Amino acid sequence: MSQEMRGTVRAGGVVLAEPLDVPDGTEVIVSVIPAAGEATRRLTPEEFKALPVFGMHKDIAEGRDGVEIINEERAKWAQRPYRRD
């Protein structure tokens, strides 16, 4: 059974627009997809500068192969302790 419902985030939780037709205690999976408008909002310059990728190229030695750099980053990502396969 799969349902798609709309809700609003309040105090770290999701308040649904209508009651959920699922028995209490049922484990569910929640996918967060911002409603139209939120996903396309432009970042302010301050928000953009606060992104973790902003300026990440500054330490890359000139002449390094981009594919090599990406493969190194992917290898680091694959070694993260909370990786789920």
N, C-alpha and C. Protein backbone atom coordinates (compact mmCIF):
# COMPACT_ATOMS: atom_id res chain seq x y z
N MET A 1 0.86 -1.18 0.00
CA MET A 1 0.00 0.00 0.00
C MET A 1 0.90 1.23 0.00
N SER A 2 0.63 2.16 -0.87
CA SER A 2 1.42 3.39 -0.94
C SER A 2 0.46 4.57 -1.02
N GLN A 3 0.73 5.59 -0.22
CA GLN A 3 -0.09 6.79 -0.22
C GLN A 3 0.82 8.00 -0.36
N GLU A 4 0.34 9.01 -1.03
CA GLU A 4 1.06 10.28 -1.07
C GLU A 4 0.17 11.31 -0.38
N MET A 5 0.75 12.01 0.60
CA MET A 5 -0.03 12.99 1.35
C MET A 5 0.76 14.27 1.50
N ARG A 6 0.05 15.36 1.67
CA ARG A 6 0.70 16.64 1.90
C ARG A 6 0.71 16.93 3.39
N GLY A 7 1.75 17.64 3.80
CA GLY A 7 1.86 18.02 5.20
C GLY A 7 2.71 19.26 5.33
N THR A 8 2.84 19.74 6.55
CA THR A 8 3.63 20.93 6.85
C THR A 8 4.58 20.60 8.00
N VAL A 9 5.81 21.05 7.88
CA VAL A 9 6.77 20.81 8.95
C VAL A 9 6.50 21.80 10.07
N ARG A 10 6.35 21.29 11.29
CA ARG A 10 6.13 22.09 12.49
C ARG A 10 6.97 21.52 13.61
N ALA A 11 7.85 22.31 14.16
CA ALA A 11 8.68 21.91 15.31
C ALA A 11 9.41 20.60 15.07
N GLY A 12 9.91 20.41 13.85
CA GLY A 12 10.68 19.21 13.54
C GLY A 12 9.86 18.00 13.17
N GLY A 13 8.56 18.10 13.21
CA GLY A 13 7.69 16.99 12.82
C GLY A 13 6.85 17.39 11.61
N VAL A 14 6.14 16.45 11.07
CA VAL A 14 5.27 16.71 9.92
C VAL A 14 3.82 16.60 10.35
N VAL A 15 3.07 17.66 10.12
CA VAL A 15 1.63 17.67 10.41
C VAL A 15 0.92 17.45 9.07
N LEU A 16 0.19 16.34 8.97
CA LEU A 16 -0.48 16.02 7.72
C LEU A 16 -1.77 16.81 7.56
N ALA A 17 -2.12 17.09 6.31
CA ALA A 17 -3.32 17.87 6.01
C ALA A 17 -4.60 17.09 6.33
N GLU A 18 -4.51 15.77 6.29
CA GLU A 18 -5.67 14.92 6.61
C GLU A 18 -5.20 13.70 7.38
N PRO A 19 -6.08 13.01 8.06
CA PRO A 19 -5.69 11.85 8.86
C PRO A 19 -5.06 10.76 7.99
N LEU A 20 -4.11 10.06 8.56
CA LEU A 20 -3.43 8.98 7.87
C LEU A 20 -4.20 7.69 8.11
N ASP A 21 -4.52 6.98 7.03
CA ASP A 21 -5.29 5.74 7.12
C ASP A 21 -4.36 4.54 7.30
N VAL A 22 -3.63 4.54 8.43
CA VAL A 22 -2.69 3.46 8.74
C VAL A 22 -2.82 3.17 10.23
N PRO A 23 -2.82 1.91 10.63
CA PRO A 23 -2.95 1.58 12.05
C PRO A 23 -1.79 2.15 12.88
N ASP A 24 -2.08 2.55 14.11
CA ASP A 24 -1.05 3.03 15.02
C ASP A 24 0.03 1.97 15.18
N GLY A 25 1.27 2.40 15.26
CA GLY A 25 2.39 1.49 15.44
C GLY A 25 2.97 0.98 14.14
N THR A 26 2.35 1.30 13.02
CA THR A 26 2.87 0.86 11.73
C THR A 26 4.10 1.66 11.37
N GLU A 27 5.19 0.98 11.04
CA GLU A 27 6.40 1.67 10.61
C GLU A 27 6.21 2.12 9.16
N VAL A 28 6.58 3.36 8.88
CA VAL A 28 6.43 3.91 7.53
C VAL A 28 7.75 4.53 7.08
N ILE A 29 7.88 4.74 5.79
CA ILE A 29 9.01 5.43 5.20
C ILE A 29 8.51 6.77 4.70
N VAL A 30 9.20 7.85 5.07
CA VAL A 30 8.78 9.19 4.68
C VAL A 30 9.80 9.76 3.70
N SER A 31 9.35 10.19 2.53
CA SER A 31 10.20 10.88 1.57
C SER A 31 9.84 12.35 1.62
N VAL A 32 10.84 13.21 1.74
CA VAL A 32 10.56 14.64 1.83
C VAL A 32 10.80 15.26 0.46
N ILE A 33 9.73 15.79 -0.13
CA ILE A 33 9.80 16.48 -1.41
C ILE A 33 9.12 17.82 -1.20
N PRO A 34 9.89 18.92 -1.22
CA PRO A 34 9.26 20.23 -1.01
C PRO A 34 8.17 20.50 -2.04
N ALA A 35 7.11 21.15 -1.60
CA ALA A 35 6.02 21.49 -2.51
C ALA A 35 6.53 22.48 -3.56
N ALA A 36 5.81 22.61 -4.65
CA ALA A 36 6.20 23.51 -5.74
C ALA A 36 6.53 24.88 -5.20
N GLY A 37 7.58 25.46 -5.70
CA GLY A 37 7.99 26.79 -5.28
C GLY A 37 9.16 26.73 -4.33
N GLU A 38 9.15 25.85 -3.36
CA GLU A 38 10.25 25.73 -2.41
C GLU A 38 11.48 25.14 -3.08
N ALA A 39 11.30 24.16 -3.96
CA ALA A 39 12.45 23.50 -4.58
C ALA A 39 13.19 24.43 -5.53
N THR A 40 12.52 25.42 -6.06
CA THR A 40 13.14 26.30 -7.05
C THR A 40 13.51 27.66 -6.47
N ARG A 41 13.39 27.83 -5.16
CA ARG A 41 13.71 29.11 -4.54
C ARG A 41 15.18 29.41 -4.72
N ARG A 42 15.51 30.64 -5.08
CA ARG A 42 16.91 31.05 -5.23
C ARG A 42 17.51 31.31 -3.86
N LEU A 43 18.76 30.90 -3.70
CA LEU A 43 19.47 31.14 -2.45
C LEU A 43 19.95 32.58 -2.38
N THR A 44 19.97 33.12 -1.20
CA THR A 44 20.57 34.44 -1.00
C THR A 44 22.08 34.26 -1.10
N PRO A 45 22.82 35.34 -1.35
CA PRO A 45 24.29 35.21 -1.40
C PRO A 45 24.87 34.60 -0.12
N GLU A 46 24.30 34.94 1.03
CA GLU A 46 24.79 34.38 2.30
C GLU A 46 24.52 32.88 2.37
N GLU A 47 23.33 32.44 1.94
CA GLU A 47 23.01 31.01 1.94
C GLU A 47 23.94 30.25 0.99
N PHE A 48 24.20 30.86 -0.17
CA PHE A 48 25.06 30.22 -1.16
C PHE A 48 26.47 30.05 -0.60
N LYS A 49 27.00 31.09 0.02
CA LYS A 49 28.35 31.03 0.58
C LYS A 49 28.45 30.03 1.73
N ALA A 50 27.32 29.75 2.39
CA ALA A 50 27.31 28.81 3.51
C ALA A 50 27.25 27.35 3.06
N LEU A 51 27.01 27.11 1.77
CA LEU A 51 26.96 25.73 1.28
C LEU A 51 28.32 25.07 1.46
N PRO A 52 28.35 23.78 1.85
CA PRO A 52 29.62 23.12 2.09
C PRO A 52 30.50 23.01 0.85
N VAL A 53 29.92 23.10 -0.35
CA VAL A 53 30.72 22.97 -1.58
C VAL A 53 31.30 24.31 -2.04
N PHE A 54 30.89 25.40 -1.44
CA PHE A 54 31.37 26.71 -1.86
C PHE A 54 32.87 26.82 -1.60
N GLY A 55 33.64 27.04 -2.64
CA GLY A 55 35.07 27.20 -2.51
C GLY A 55 35.85 25.91 -2.36
N MET A 56 35.21 24.75 -2.59
CA MET A 56 35.90 23.48 -2.37
C MET A 56 37.07 23.26 -3.32
N HIS A 57 37.11 24.00 -4.41
CA HIS A 57 38.17 23.83 -5.40
C HIS A 57 39.48 24.53 -5.00
N LYS A 58 39.46 25.36 -4.00
CA LYS A 58 40.61 26.20 -3.66
C LYS A 58 41.86 25.40 -3.32
N ASP A 59 41.72 24.17 -2.82
CA ASP A 59 42.88 23.37 -2.42
C ASP A 59 43.31 22.36 -3.49
N ILE A 60 42.65 22.36 -4.64
CA ILE A 60 42.98 21.40 -5.69
C ILE A 60 44.18 21.93 -6.48
N ALA A 61 45.21 21.12 -6.53
CA ALA A 61 46.43 21.52 -7.26
C ALA A 61 46.12 21.66 -8.75
N GLU A 62 46.65 22.69 -9.34
CA GLU A 62 46.43 22.92 -10.76
C GLU A 62 47.01 21.76 -11.56
N GLY A 63 46.29 21.33 -12.56
CA GLY A 63 46.76 20.26 -13.43
C GLY A 63 46.29 18.88 -13.02
N ARG A 64 45.66 18.75 -11.86
CA ARG A 64 45.17 17.43 -11.45
C ARG A 64 44.01 17.03 -12.34
N ASP A 65 43.91 15.76 -12.58
CA ASP A 65 42.85 15.21 -13.41
C ASP A 65 41.53 15.21 -12.64
N GLY A 66 40.50 15.80 -13.23
CA GLY A 66 39.19 15.88 -12.58
C GLY A 66 38.60 14.52 -12.25
N VAL A 67 38.79 13.55 -13.14
CA VAL A 67 38.26 12.21 -12.91
C VAL A 67 38.95 11.59 -11.69
N GLU A 68 40.25 11.80 -11.56
CA GLU A 68 40.99 11.29 -10.41
C GLU A 68 40.45 11.88 -9.11
N ILE A 69 40.20 13.17 -9.11
CA ILE A 69 39.68 13.85 -7.93
C ILE A 69 38.31 13.29 -7.55
N ILE A 70 37.44 13.13 -8.54
CA ILE A 70 36.09 12.61 -8.28
C ILE A 70 36.17 11.19 -7.74
N ASN A 71 37.04 10.36 -8.31
CA ASN A 71 37.17 8.98 -7.83
C ASN A 71 37.67 8.95 -6.39
N GLU A 72 38.59 9.84 -6.04
CA GLU A 72 39.06 9.91 -4.65
C GLU A 72 37.92 10.28 -3.70
N GLU A 73 37.11 11.26 -4.10
CA GLU A 73 35.98 11.68 -3.27
C GLU A 73 34.96 10.56 -3.14
N ARG A 74 34.70 9.84 -4.22
CA ARG A 74 33.76 8.72 -4.16
C ARG A 74 34.27 7.63 -3.23
N ALA A 75 35.58 7.38 -3.26
CA ALA A 75 36.15 6.36 -2.37
C ALA A 75 35.98 6.77 -0.91
N LYS A 76 36.18 8.06 -0.61
CA LYS A 76 35.96 8.55 0.76
C LYS A 76 34.51 8.36 1.17
N TRP A 77 33.60 8.70 0.25
CA TRP A 77 32.17 8.59 0.51
C TRP A 77 31.78 7.14 0.79
N ALA A 78 32.37 6.22 0.05
CA ALA A 78 32.04 4.80 0.22
C ALA A 78 32.53 4.26 1.56
N GLN A 79 33.50 4.92 2.18
CA GLN A 79 34.06 4.46 3.45
C GLN A 79 33.37 5.08 4.66
N ARG A 80 32.37 5.92 4.45
CA ARG A 80 31.72 6.57 5.58
C ARG A 80 31.11 5.50 6.50
N PRO A 81 31.15 5.71 7.80
CA PRO A 81 30.73 4.67 8.76
C PRO A 81 29.24 4.36 8.73
N TYR A 82 28.42 5.25 8.24
CA TYR A 82 26.97 5.02 8.27
C TYR A 82 26.44 4.58 6.92
N ARG A 83 27.29 4.09 6.06
CA ARG A 83 26.88 3.67 4.72
C ARG A 83 25.93 2.49 4.81
N ARG A 84 24.87 2.57 4.03
CA ARG A 84 23.90 1.47 3.96
C ARG A 84 23.85 0.98 2.54
N ASP A 85 23.98 -0.32 2.33
CA ASP A 85 23.91 -0.91 0.98
C ASP A 85 22.55 -1.48 0.72
